[in-house]
Structures are given as structure tokens and as C-alpha cells.
């Protein structure tokens, strides 16, 4: 019987359409006539069968070529829009639509339930001081993690028994559900994809196969770490299931605030107050460093905000390439609560001052005059 309907017309594309254009047209129409969209309308189901049959031919370059030449794929005139489609989605025209709507993880996830499953990774936040960052340190941490139950060996079944094959999915971990012309697999609701059920659960782990156990671990914190850094301890995470590998433990570093220092990369910054006499005459003062006290020379004429550098008194690079510095920011303190004698001396000093004593003040006054604000 000769063909009465053109496959390209069914999908709404031209005969010169690319494979990608054909696929996009199919997905759009299949979504439009999906039973969930049409409420199970019989005409829509018939239309969907036509769309699927047309796409089944045109998505295959060899079948498409044969159809373009002879109007068929097997030497006979094409017909069969009324045929249904069974089998796995991966072998039917529904494969692309299934992937678009549901992704590919649903079927594979259930089937892998009986395979070894690696344990989850764990994360532990560890606080360290700036001094510990400067030198590196060893820390002992305590945490709990799921371990394989010793009473049942991880099976979840009581001693003397073993898990049984799930009668609903027969051990497949998934069941096939029909919805109109669609047939799809989903995780078995009885065994939750495990393919096995436990009729006599282990009392020690309540059938889970795992128990939480306290773990103490001594770890080395390298010098130079910073807040947000994560250190990986391989094989110290949760225990796997079905013989799967253990997960990893990640130590997230949090550096505590310091009384004196702010961190700027590898450099440390602190403020140091000095008197006006020290600022004017110059002096040597003692300042804290991450390694103890150190002498700092203040040049004569130092101003508030002046930065002085103590080389090598910062933090080390984690890879050991270099060492940071310490920056000391000078803060000139104005004297308060002066005695009568101190006030007299300052007044005398002020009377002896000139534009060379206070060059910034002099420049400010001259700028005011020059701009006409005087």
C-alpha cells in the first residue's frame, strides 16, 4: 500500500533539514503530545505514534537515505504508524525524549544499587592561631563517622540470616511502569533500588549495615595555611557499602583573629603608636612580631600612616618558596592632659617654629591663598 503521509511533513521539517533540526522538531512535538500534556486523549496518542514512527526512520541516516530514495526502509512501501513501541527506552524512539525529560541517571542509579558504593567524604572545620600558621603544627581532632557494622559485616541482616531477593523487582532494583504509550523504569519502591530486602534486621545497626563510631586522628597542619584552605586526608571519610572504598576527610582551615596582626597574603600588618617627640626626633622602639619582640627604628620626621618593614617576619609560603614581611604602620599620638609646664614648653616650641618645621601646614596655607579662599 503506497504511503499516504510524508514523514518530513509529520515532523514539520523540510527534506533538507539537518539531523539536529529533525531531532529538535521531534522533541518539541513529542513534548506537545505527551499524555501528561493531553490528558490521555486518543487522537493525541495516535498522533504521537505517527511522530515516533517518523522520527524512528529519519533519525537513522541509512534508513533516511533509503526512505528518500524509495519511500521505504526495507524495499516495501512504508506503513505502520499504528504500531506500538516496547523494549528499553534506549532502543526506542523515546530514548531522546526520556533523556530530555528525566536525564539518564534514573535507570542507571537503580541498576548500580548492588554494586560497591564508595563512602561519602567528610568535612571538619579546624581553628588554628596565627602563631600555628607561622610554624606549622600537629593537631588531634575527634569526630564520628559511619563504619561497617561489625555484628553483621555490613549486610544489615541479623546473625544467621542474609538479605533476600526482593520479590517485587526480583533483584533488579527497578520496576517498569506503563503510562499510555510510554513505558519507563523507576526505582523499586519496596527495596529502594537495592534489589534485596532484609526480613531479620541486625539489632546493632537496625538493618542499615553501618554504625556511627568515634574517631581520633592526629594530623599535620603545614605552615602558611589560610582560612578557607582544605586539606585532604585520603581514606578517612565514611565507610563504603558493598565493599566500596572509604571516602576522604577534608579539613577546612579557619585562622583565628590575632590581638596585634592583620594578614595580607604572606605579610603581617600591625599598628604602633609613638609620641610626637619620637616622631620628630626619631627613635628605636620595641614592637611585637609573630616570632617575639623586635627592635624597630623610627626615622626622624615620621608621620601617621608611615609604613616601616621588618623583613622576614611575615608568614611562610605553603610550598616553602618564600617568607613574607611584617609591615608596621606608625600612629603619631597627640599628647593629652598636659601639665602647666608641658603646655609652656609646647607654646615656646610653637613660637620658634616656621614653614620648615611644618611644611605641610605651610603648603596648605599657600594653597588657600592661591585659590582665593583666604
Protein backbone atom coordinates (compact mmCIF):
# COMPACT_ATOMS: atom_id res chain seq x y z
CA UNK A 1 0.00 0.00 0.00
CA UNK A 2 1.60 3.29 -1.07
CA UNK A 3 2.49 5.87 1.53
CA UNK A 4 -0.19 8.49 2.12
CA UNK A 5 1.69 10.74 4.56
CA UNK A 6 5.15 12.27 4.20
CA UNK A 7 7.49 11.73 7.18
CA UNK A 8 9.02 15.18 6.86
CA UNK A 9 5.55 16.75 6.96
CA UNK A 10 4.71 14.81 10.11
CA UNK A 11 7.73 16.34 11.89
CA UNK A 12 7.22 19.73 10.23
CA UNK A 13 10.67 19.94 8.65
CA UNK A 14 11.99 20.21 5.12
CA UNK A 15 13.65 17.32 3.28
CA UNK A 16 16.96 19.19 3.53
CA UNK A 17 16.73 19.52 7.32
CA UNK A 18 19.83 18.53 9.31
CA UNK A 19 19.79 15.67 11.80
CA UNK A 20 19.89 18.18 14.64
CA UNK A 21 16.88 20.06 13.24
CA UNK A 22 14.98 16.78 12.91
CA UNK A 23 15.81 15.85 16.49
CA UNK A 24 14.71 19.26 17.85
CA UNK A 25 11.45 19.09 15.88
CA UNK A 26 10.75 15.61 17.23
CA UNK A 27 11.42 16.60 20.85
CA UNK A 28 9.12 19.62 20.54
CA UNK A 29 6.24 17.58 19.07
CA UNK A 30 6.73 14.64 21.44
CA UNK A 31 6.59 17.00 24.39
CA UNK A 32 3.46 18.66 22.97
CA UNK A 33 1.60 15.35 22.52
CA UNK A 34 2.90 13.70 25.70
CA UNK A 35 -0.01 12.00 27.59
CA UNK A 36 0.68 14.19 30.61
CA UNK A 37 0.00 17.22 28.42
CA UNK A 38 -3.05 15.85 26.57
CA UNK A 39 -4.75 14.02 29.43
CA UNK A 40 -4.70 10.68 27.61
CA UNK A 41 -6.56 11.95 24.53
CA UNK A 42 -6.82 9.07 21.99
CA UNK A 43 -6.22 11.28 18.96
CA UNK A 44 -3.12 12.70 20.63
CA UNK A 45 -1.85 9.17 21.30
CA UNK A 46 -2.37 8.30 17.63
CA UNK A 47 -0.54 11.47 16.59
CA UNK A 48 2.32 10.66 18.96
CA UNK A 49 2.67 7.20 17.43
CA UNK A 50 2.98 8.79 13.99
CA UNK A 51 5.59 11.25 15.26
CA UNK A 52 7.63 8.48 16.91
CA UNK A 53 7.44 6.24 13.84
CA UNK A 54 8.55 9.09 11.58
CA UNK A 55 11.44 10.00 13.83
CA UNK A 56 12.49 6.37 14.13
CA UNK A 57 13.14 6.43 10.39
CA UNK A 58 14.56 9.91 9.89
CA UNK A 59 16.95 9.85 12.88
CA UNK A 60 18.86 6.97 11.26
CA UNK A 61 20.96 8.27 8.32
CA UNK A 62 20.82 4.91 6.48
CA UNK A 63 17.07 4.49 6.91
CA UNK A 64 16.55 8.13 5.95
CA UNK A 65 18.59 7.68 2.79
CA UNK A 66 16.61 4.61 1.81
CA UNK A 67 13.32 6.37 2.54
CA UNK A 68 14.34 9.40 0.45
CA UNK A 69 15.13 7.09 -2.49
CA UNK A 70 12.36 4.50 -2.31
CA UNK A 71 9.78 5.78 0.15
CA UNK A 72 10.55 2.83 2.43
CA UNK A 73 13.31 1.34 4.59
CA UNK A 74 13.12 -2.31 3.59
CA UNK A 75 12.21 -2.29 -0.10
CA UNK A 76 8.48 -2.24 0.75
CA UNK A 77 6.22 0.81 0.84
CA UNK A 78 6.33 2.37 4.31
CA UNK A 79 3.35 1.91 6.64
CA UNK A 80 2.82 1.06 10.29
CA UNK A 81 2.01 4.28 12.06
CA UNK A 82 -0.31 2.24 14.26
CA UNK A 83 2.48 0.11 15.70
CA UNK A 84 3.43 0.46 19.33
CA UNK A 85 6.92 0.61 20.77
CA UNK A 86 8.19 -1.67 23.52
CA UNK A 87 11.58 -2.59 24.95
CA UNK A 88 14.10 -0.35 26.68
CA UNK A 89 13.95 3.40 26.07
CA UNK A 90 17.48 3.29 24.74
CA UNK A 91 16.29 1.09 21.85
CA UNK A 92 13.10 3.02 21.04
CA UNK A 93 12.24 6.41 19.56
CA UNK A 94 11.50 7.55 23.12
CA UNK A 95 15.20 7.49 24.05
CA UNK A 96 15.92 11.14 23.27
CA UNK A 97 12.68 12.31 24.89
CA UNK A 98 13.39 10.23 28.02
CA UNK A 99 16.83 11.81 28.33
CA UNK A 100 15.40 15.30 27.80
CA UNK A 101 12.64 14.94 30.40
CA UNK A 102 14.26 12.71 33.02
CA UNK A 103 18.00 12.51 32.29
CA UNK A 104 19.89 9.27 32.16
CA UNK A 105 20.63 8.80 35.86
CA UNK A 106 17.32 7.24 36.92
CA UNK A 107 17.74 3.85 35.26
CA UNK A 108 21.45 3.54 35.87
CA UNK A 109 21.18 4.51 39.53
CA UNK A 110 18.83 1.65 40.38
CA UNK A 111 20.86 -0.90 38.47
CA UNK A 112 24.04 0.03 40.32
CA UNK A 113 22.47 -0.41 43.76
CA UNK A 114 24.03 -3.85 44.18
CA UNK A 115 27.48 -2.70 43.13
CA UNK A 116 30.16 -1.46 45.55
CA UNK A 117 29.33 2.07 46.64
CA UNK A 118 32.10 4.41 47.84
CA UNK A 119 31.63 6.15 51.16
CA UNK A 120 30.82 9.85 51.36
CA UNK A 121 33.51 12.44 52.00
CA UNK A 122 33.50 14.23 55.37
CA UNK A 123 34.48 17.79 56.24
CA UNK A 124 35.85 19.06 59.54
CA UNK A 125 36.44 22.74 60.41
CA UNK A 126 39.65 23.27 62.34
CA UNK A 127 40.62 26.55 64.03
CA UNK A 128 44.31 27.49 64.24
CA UNK A 129 46.14 30.51 65.63
CA UNK A 130 48.36 32.79 63.58
CA UNK A 131 51.37 31.52 65.51
CA UNK A 132 50.48 27.96 64.44
CA UNK A 133 50.16 29.16 60.86
CA UNK A 134 53.64 30.68 61.06
CA UNK A 135 55.32 27.49 62.27
CA UNK A 136 53.01 24.67 61.26
CA UNK A 137 51.64 22.34 63.92
CA UNK A 138 50.20 18.94 64.75
CA UNK A 139 46.54 18.74 65.81
CA UNK A 140 44.45 15.91 67.20
CA UNK A 141 40.81 16.01 66.12
CA UNK A 142 37.84 13.91 67.21
CA UNK A 143 34.78 13.19 65.07
CA UNK A 144 32.24 10.47 64.39
CA UNK A 145 31.65 8.67 61.10
CA UNK A 146 29.64 5.69 59.80
CA UNK A 147 31.59 2.44 59.95
CA UNK A 148 30.71 -1.02 58.66
CA UNK A 149 28.70 -2.83 61.34
CA UNK A 150 30.86 -5.46 62.96
CA UNK A 151 27.89 -7.61 64.02
CA UNK A 152 26.53 -8.19 60.50
CA UNK A 153 29.58 -7.34 58.38
CA UNK A 154 27.65 -4.58 56.64
CA UNK A 155 24.85 -6.80 55.30
CA UNK A 156 22.23 -5.32 57.64
CA UNK A 157 20.85 -8.80 58.36
CA UNK A 158 20.80 -10.44 61.77
CA UNK A 159 23.37 -13.13 62.53
CA UNK A 160 22.39 -16.44 60.95
CA UNK A 161 20.34 -14.78 58.20
CA UNK A 162 21.06 -12.93 54.97
CA UNK A 163 19.31 -10.43 52.72
CA UNK A 164 16.72 -11.95 50.36
CA UNK A 165 15.96 -11.13 46.75
CA UNK A 166 13.22 -8.51 46.51
CA UNK A 167 10.04 -10.25 45.30
CA UNK A 168 8.69 -7.10 43.63
CA UNK A 169 11.63 -6.35 41.32
CA UNK A 170 13.22 -9.84 41.50
CA UNK A 171 16.57 -8.35 42.38
CA UNK A 172 16.70 -5.84 39.51
CA UNK A 173 16.36 -2.83 41.81
CA UNK A 174 13.83 -1.29 39.44
CA UNK A 175 10.33 -1.89 38.14
CA UNK A 176 8.80 -0.97 34.78
CA UNK A 177 5.75 1.29 34.79
CA UNK A 178 3.42 1.79 31.79
CA UNK A 179 1.72 5.12 31.13
CA UNK A 180 -0.20 5.22 27.87
CA UNK A 181 2.25 4.63 25.05
CA UNK A 182 5.15 5.27 27.39
CA UNK A 183 6.93 2.61 29.40
CA UNK A 184 9.58 3.68 31.87
CA UNK A 185 11.66 2.15 34.64
CA UNK A 186 11.79 3.51 38.16
CA UNK A 187 13.46 2.55 41.42
CA UNK A 188 11.70 -0.30 43.13
CA UNK A 189 9.61 1.19 45.99
CA UNK A 190 9.93 -1.92 48.17
CA UNK A 191 13.71 -2.37 48.22
CA UNK A 192 14.55 1.23 47.22
CA UNK A 193 16.77 0.04 44.41
CA UNK A 194 18.85 -2.39 46.48
CA UNK A 195 17.36 -5.46 44.83
CA UNK A 196 17.34 -7.12 48.26
CA UNK A 197 15.18 -6.92 51.37
CA UNK A 198 16.08 -7.70 54.97
CA UNK A 199 13.46 -9.71 56.83
CA UNK A 200 15.51 -10.01 60.04
CA UNK A 201 17.44 -6.75 60.54
CA UNK A 202 20.60 -6.63 62.61
CA UNK A 203 19.83 -5.18 66.04
CA UNK A 204 23.23 -3.48 66.28
CA UNK A 205 22.73 -1.29 63.20
CA UNK A 206 18.94 -1.61 62.77
CA UNK A 207 19.46 -3.05 59.31
CA UNK A 208 21.46 -0.15 57.91
CA UNK A 209 24.74 -2.09 57.78
CA UNK A 210 26.60 0.81 59.40
CA UNK A 211 27.06 2.30 62.88
CA UNK A 212 28.46 5.67 63.90
CA UNK A 213 31.84 5.39 65.58
CA UNK A 214 34.06 7.99 67.24
CA UNK A 215 37.41 8.52 65.56
CA UNK A 216 40.50 10.39 66.81
CA UNK A 217 43.09 11.44 64.30
CA UNK A 218 46.42 13.26 64.53
CA UNK A 219 47.08 15.48 61.52
CA UNK A 220 49.92 17.74 60.40
CA UNK A 221 48.96 21.34 59.57
CA UNK A 222 51.55 22.82 57.20
CA UNK A 223 52.92 26.30 57.82
CA UNK A 224 51.34 29.06 55.73
CA UNK A 225 47.75 27.77 55.59
CA UNK A 226 44.96 30.33 55.33
CA UNK A 227 41.26 30.47 56.15
CA UNK A 228 39.27 28.51 53.58
CA UNK A 229 42.11 26.14 52.68
CA UNK A 230 41.06 22.48 52.61
CA UNK A 231 43.47 19.70 53.48
CA UNK A 232 42.58 16.25 52.12
CA UNK A 233 43.16 13.18 54.29
CA UNK A 234 42.65 10.22 51.96
CA UNK A 235 40.58 7.27 53.19
CA UNK A 236 39.38 8.87 56.44
CA UNK A 237 35.79 9.56 55.37
CA UNK A 238 32.70 7.37 55.66
CA UNK A 239 32.99 3.63 55.07
CA UNK A 240 31.73 2.39 51.71
CA UNK A 241 28.95 -0.12 51.18
CA UNK A 242 29.05 -3.48 49.42
CA UNK A 243 32.85 -3.44 49.64
CA UNK A 244 33.15 0.10 48.24
CA UNK A 245 36.12 2.33 49.01
CA UNK A 246 36.11 4.63 52.01
CA UNK A 247 35.57 8.34 51.38
CA UNK A 248 38.05 11.11 52.21
CA UNK A 249 38.23 13.60 55.05
CA UNK A 250 38.65 17.30 54.25
CA UNK A 251 39.99 19.66 56.92
CA UNK A 252 38.69 23.19 56.35
CA UNK A 253 41.03 25.73 57.99
CA UNK A 254 39.81 28.77 59.95
CA UNK A 255 42.52 31.13 61.19
CA UNK A 256 41.58 32.89 64.44
CA UNK A 257 41.81 36.67 64.82
CA UNK A 258 45.01 37.98 66.39
CA UNK A 259 45.42 40.70 69.02
CA UNK A 260 48.07 42.59 67.00
CA UNK A 261 48.25 41.39 63.43
CA UNK A 262 46.13 41.50 60.30
CA UNK A 263 47.07 39.17 57.50
CA UNK A 264 47.69 40.42 53.94
CA UNK A 265 48.76 37.38 51.96
CA UNK A 266 52.13 36.40 53.37
CA UNK A 267 52.62 39.78 55.05
CA UNK A 268 51.50 40.71 58.56
CA UNK A 269 50.37 44.25 59.40
CA UNK A 270 50.24 45.89 62.80
CA UNK A 271 49.95 49.45 64.13
CA UNK A 272 52.45 51.03 66.51
CA UNK A 273 51.70 54.31 68.37
CA UNK A 274 54.61 56.69 69.01
CA UNK A 275 54.93 60.06 70.74
CA UNK A 276 55.35 63.34 68.90
CA UNK A 277 58.88 63.57 70.27
CA UNK A 278 59.74 60.11 68.86
CA UNK A 279 58.18 61.06 65.57
CA UNK A 280 60.06 64.38 65.37
CA UNK A 281 63.43 63.24 66.66
CA UNK A 282 63.47 59.61 65.57
CA UNK A 283 63.75 56.68 67.95
CA UNK A 284 64.09 52.93 68.30
CA UNK A 285 61.04 51.18 69.73
CA UNK A 286 60.16 47.56 70.57
CA UNK A 287 57.33 46.00 68.59
CA UNK A 288 55.72 42.54 68.68
CA UNK A 289 56.33 40.11 65.82
CA UNK A 290 54.94 36.63 65.19
CA UNK A 291 58.27 35.30 66.48
CA UNK A 292 58.60 37.54 69.58
CA UNK A 293 59.68 41.14 70.19
CA UNK A 294 61.97 43.03 67.81
CA UNK A 295 63.61 46.49 67.54
CA UNK A 296 62.18 48.95 65.01
CA UNK A 297 63.98 52.14 64.04
CA UNK A 298 61.71 55.18 63.63
CA UNK A 299 63.16 57.80 61.24
CA UNK A 300 63.06 61.45 62.30
CA UNK A 301 60.01 63.24 60.90
CA UNK A 302 57.85 60.11 60.76
CA UNK A 303 54.16 60.81 60.10
CA UNK A 304 50.95 58.96 60.95
CA UNK A 305 50.44 56.29 58.29
CA UNK A 306 54.15 55.78 57.58
CA UNK A 307 54.81 52.08 56.89
CA UNK A 308 58.02 50.50 58.09
CA UNK A 309 59.07 46.99 57.05
CA UNK A 310 60.55 44.19 59.13
CA UNK A 311 61.79 41.75 56.51
CA UNK A 312 61.27 38.05 57.06
CA UNK A 313 58.87 38.49 59.98
CA UNK A 314 55.76 37.52 57.99
CA UNK A 315 54.30 34.12 57.11
CA UNK A 316 55.86 31.35 55.02
CA UNK A 317 54.54 30.24 51.67
CA UNK A 318 52.87 26.80 51.94
CA UNK A 319 55.19 25.48 49.25
CA UNK A 320 58.25 26.88 51.03
CA UNK A 321 59.18 29.28 48.22
CA UNK A 322 59.45 32.50 50.25
CA UNK A 323 58.78 34.29 53.52
CA UNK A 324 56.57 37.34 53.99
CA UNK A 325 57.38 40.55 55.88
CA UNK A 326 55.83 42.48 58.73
CA UNK A 327 54.55 45.98 57.99
CA UNK A 328 54.37 48.37 60.93
CA UNK A 329 52.01 51.31 60.44
CA UNK A 330 53.01 54.35 62.53
CA UNK A 331 50.36 56.24 64.52
CA UNK A 332 51.62 59.54 66.00
CA UNK A 333 49.76 60.16 69.25
CA UNK A 334 48.88 63.73 70.19
CA UNK A 335 49.57 64.32 73.91
CA UNK A 336 46.59 64.83 76.22
CA UNK A 337 46.07 66.24 79.74
CA UNK A 338 49.15 68.46 79.65
CA UNK A 339 50.67 69.89 82.80
CA UNK A 340 51.29 73.64 83.01
CA UNK A 341 54.99 73.16 82.35
CA UNK A 342 54.35 70.91 79.34
CA UNK A 343 51.96 73.47 77.89
CA UNK A 344 54.54 76.25 78.39
CA UNK A 345 57.21 74.20 76.62
CA UNK A 346 54.91 73.42 73.69
CA UNK A 347 53.93 77.07 73.38
CA UNK A 348 57.57 78.03 73.37
CA UNK A 349 58.28 75.37 70.74
CA UNK A 350 55.40 76.67 68.62
CA UNK A 351 56.72 80.24 68.79
CA UNK A 352 60.06 79.06 67.48
CA UNK A 353 58.52 77.08 64.59
CA UNK A 354 58.45 78.24 60.93
CA UNK A 355 57.42 76.92 57.50
CA UNK A 356 60.33 74.47 57.53
CA UNK A 357 59.12 72.96 60.80
CA UNK A 358 55.65 72.26 59.41
CA UNK A 359 55.97 72.09 55.56
CA UNK A 360 52.54 70.51 55.02
CA UNK A 361 50.83 73.19 57.08
CA UNK A 362 52.68 75.84 55.11
CA UNK A 363 51.70 74.28 51.76
CA UNK A 364 48.07 74.15 52.87
CA UNK A 365 48.04 77.87 53.76
CA UNK A 366 49.66 78.82 50.47
CA UNK A 367 47.12 76.74 48.50
CA UNK A 368 44.27 78.57 50.25
CA UNK A 369 45.75 81.94 49.27
CA UNK A 370 46.40 80.85 45.70
CA UNK A 371 42.81 79.69 45.15
CA UNK A 372 41.29 82.85 46.55
CA UNK A 373 39.73 81.28 49.61
CA UNK A 374 41.63 83.46 52.06
